[in-house]
Amino acid sequence: MTTTKPNHIGRKIARIRELRGMKQETLAEELGISQQSVSTLEKSETVDDEKLERVAQILGVTKEAIENFSEERVINFFNNFNDNSFSNSQGTFAAYNCTFNPIDKLVESYEENKKLYERLVQSEKEKVAYLEALLRNK
């Protein structure tokens, strides 16, 4: 069993980047370094303050947010975010009640894409067979 160090800065950068939906290539471009350098950075247990400050700025968070990032806190935040209303910037309340599991939707979407791909492949096979039959009959 492997355990990750609780304050592994590189891993925290990677998770925040992933949560932001950002690819390593994008972060690399913003930092002016190669994608391989970002990969190395994300494997580093420590990162110098200047570089960490720059990464934080690109990710839209503070340096402290990276240093204090905890997967457990993120999960707890979303698990506790279940009262059906909250105040928006105008001071009014709106209900947001998620009635489905997003992971189930993701799996469902993946399965639908897989079926579409299989139908496309089958269609292409039928087209090839039809064209081969035409060529044989000439």
Protein backbone atom coordinates (compact mmCIF):
# COMPACT_ATOMS: atom_id res chain seq x y z
CA MET A 1 0.00 0.00 0.00
CA THR A 2 1.36 3.40 -0.94
CA THR A 3 0.51 6.54 0.90
CA THR A 4 0.90 10.04 -0.45
CA LYS A 5 2.53 12.66 1.68
CA PRO A 6 -0.09 15.00 3.12
CA ASN A 7 1.72 18.16 1.98
CA HIS A 8 2.95 17.05 -1.46
CA ILE A 9 2.70 20.41 -3.24
CA GLY A 10 3.09 18.97 -6.74
CA ARG A 11 0.17 16.60 -6.25
CA LYS A 12 -1.95 19.46 -4.90
CA ILE A 13 -1.13 21.53 -7.98
CA ALA A 14 -2.13 18.59 -10.20
CA ARG A 15 -5.47 18.09 -8.41
CA ILE A 16 -6.36 21.79 -8.50
CA ARG A 17 -5.40 21.90 -12.19
CA GLU A 18 -7.61 18.84 -12.85
CA LEU A 19 -10.51 20.32 -10.86
CA ARG A 20 -10.16 23.48 -12.94
CA GLY A 21 -10.41 21.36 -16.11
CA MET A 22 -6.97 22.51 -17.24
CA LYS A 23 -4.53 20.29 -19.13
CA GLN A 24 -0.83 20.12 -18.33
CA GLU A 25 -0.14 21.60 -21.78
CA THR A 26 -2.19 24.69 -20.96
CA LEU A 27 -0.44 25.22 -17.63
CA ALA A 28 2.92 24.70 -19.36
CA GLU A 29 2.07 27.29 -22.00
CA GLU A 30 1.03 29.82 -19.36
CA LEU A 31 4.23 29.19 -17.38
CA GLY A 32 6.39 29.29 -20.52
CA ILE A 33 7.76 25.79 -19.89
CA SER A 34 7.32 22.37 -21.49
CA GLN A 35 4.55 19.91 -20.64
CA GLN A 36 7.27 17.55 -19.36
CA SER A 37 8.42 20.28 -16.95
CA VAL A 38 4.86 20.60 -15.63
CA SER A 39 4.79 16.82 -15.17
CA THR A 40 8.04 17.03 -13.19
CA LEU A 41 6.65 19.96 -11.18
CA GLU A 42 3.55 17.93 -10.28
CA LYS A 43 5.76 15.08 -9.06
CA SER A 44 7.77 17.44 -6.84
CA GLU A 45 7.13 17.33 -3.13
CA THR A 46 8.14 20.99 -2.76
CA VAL A 47 8.05 23.99 -5.12
CA ASP A 48 9.86 27.28 -4.60
CA ASP A 49 7.68 30.19 -3.49
CA GLU A 50 8.11 32.24 -6.66
CA LYS A 51 7.06 29.40 -8.96
CA LEU A 52 4.22 28.40 -6.61
CA GLU A 53 2.96 32.00 -6.65
CA ARG A 54 2.97 32.00 -10.48
CA VAL A 55 1.19 28.60 -10.67
CA ALA A 56 -1.41 29.80 -8.16
CA GLN A 57 -2.04 32.93 -10.22
CA ILE A 58 -2.57 30.85 -13.39
CA LEU A 59 -4.88 28.41 -11.57
CA GLY A 60 -6.87 31.35 -10.16
CA VAL A 61 -6.17 30.53 -6.52
CA THR A 62 -3.84 31.82 -3.83
CA LYS A 63 -0.52 30.24 -2.95
CA GLU A 64 -2.01 29.43 0.45
CA ALA A 65 -4.95 27.69 -1.21
CA ILE A 66 -2.51 25.32 -2.90
CA GLU A 67 -0.51 24.78 0.29
CA ASN A 68 -3.66 24.11 2.33
CA PHE A 69 -5.52 22.14 -0.36
CA SER A 70 -7.10 18.94 0.91
CA GLU A 71 -9.05 16.46 -1.17
CA GLU A 72 -11.00 15.58 1.99
CA ARG A 73 -12.01 19.22 2.51
CA VAL A 74 -13.22 19.49 -1.09
CA ILE A 75 -15.31 16.33 -0.71
CA ASN A 76 -16.69 17.53 2.63
CA PHE A 77 -17.54 20.90 1.12
CA PHE A 78 -19.65 19.33 -1.60
CA ASN A 79 -21.16 16.72 0.71
CA ASN A 80 -22.24 19.45 3.13
CA PHE A 81 -23.55 21.67 0.36
CA ASN A 82 -26.94 20.02 0.46
CA ASP A 83 -29.33 22.56 1.87
CA ASN A 84 -31.65 23.31 -1.00
CA SER A 85 -31.12 27.04 -1.08
CA PHE A 86 -28.45 29.66 -0.77
CA SER A 87 -28.23 33.38 -1.22
CA ASN A 88 -27.01 34.71 -4.53
CA SER A 89 -25.34 38.09 -5.05
CA GLN A 90 -28.71 39.88 -5.14
CA GLY A 91 -29.65 38.52 -1.73
CA THR A 92 -32.43 36.34 -3.12
CA PHE A 93 -32.67 32.61 -2.64
CA ALA A 94 -32.70 29.99 -5.36
CA ALA A 95 -33.15 26.24 -5.01
CA TYR A 96 -30.53 23.96 -6.50
CA ASN A 97 -31.34 20.36 -5.82
CA CYS A 98 -29.31 17.85 -7.79
CA THR A 99 -31.47 14.77 -8.33
CA PHE A 100 -28.92 12.60 -10.11
CA ASN A 101 -25.45 11.26 -9.51
CA PRO A 102 -23.05 13.04 -11.92
CA ILE A 103 -20.81 9.96 -12.09
CA ASP A 104 -23.78 7.85 -13.21
CA LYS A 105 -24.46 10.42 -15.94
CA LEU A 106 -20.82 10.30 -17.00
CA VAL A 107 -20.86 6.50 -17.21
CA GLU A 108 -24.17 6.63 -19.10
CA SER A 109 -22.69 9.13 -21.57
CA TYR A 110 -19.62 6.92 -22.03
CA GLU A 111 -21.84 3.89 -22.75
CA GLU A 112 -23.89 5.86 -25.29
CA ASN A 113 -20.72 7.01 -27.05
CA LYS A 114 -19.47 3.43 -27.11
CA LYS A 115 -22.73 2.23 -28.72
CA LEU A 116 -22.61 5.03 -31.29
CA TYR A 117 -19.02 4.12 -32.15
CA GLU A 118 -19.94 0.44 -32.54
CA ARG A 119 -22.82 1.37 -34.86
CA LEU A 120 -20.50 3.59 -36.90
CA VAL A 121 -17.95 0.76 -37.24
CA GLN A 122 -20.71 -1.66 -38.26
CA SER A 123 -22.00 0.82 -40.84
CA GLU A 124 -18.49 1.20 -42.29
CA LYS A 125 -18.11 -2.60 -42.48
CA GLU A 126 -21.43 -2.85 -44.35
CA LYS A 127 -20.36 -0.08 -46.74
CA VAL A 128 -17.07 -1.88 -47.47
CA ALA A 129 -18.89 -5.19 -48.04
CA TYR A 130 -21.35 -3.45 -50.40
CA LEU A 131 -18.54 -1.79 -52.38
CA GLU A 132 -16.62 -5.07 -52.59
CA ALA A 133 -19.76 -6.81 -53.89
CA LEU A 134 -20.17 -4.11 -56.55
CA LEU A 135 -16.57 -4.55 -57.68
CA ARG A 136 -16.94 -8.35 -57.89
CA ASN A 137 -20.05 -8.03 -60.08
CA LYS A 138 -18.32 -5.83 -62.69
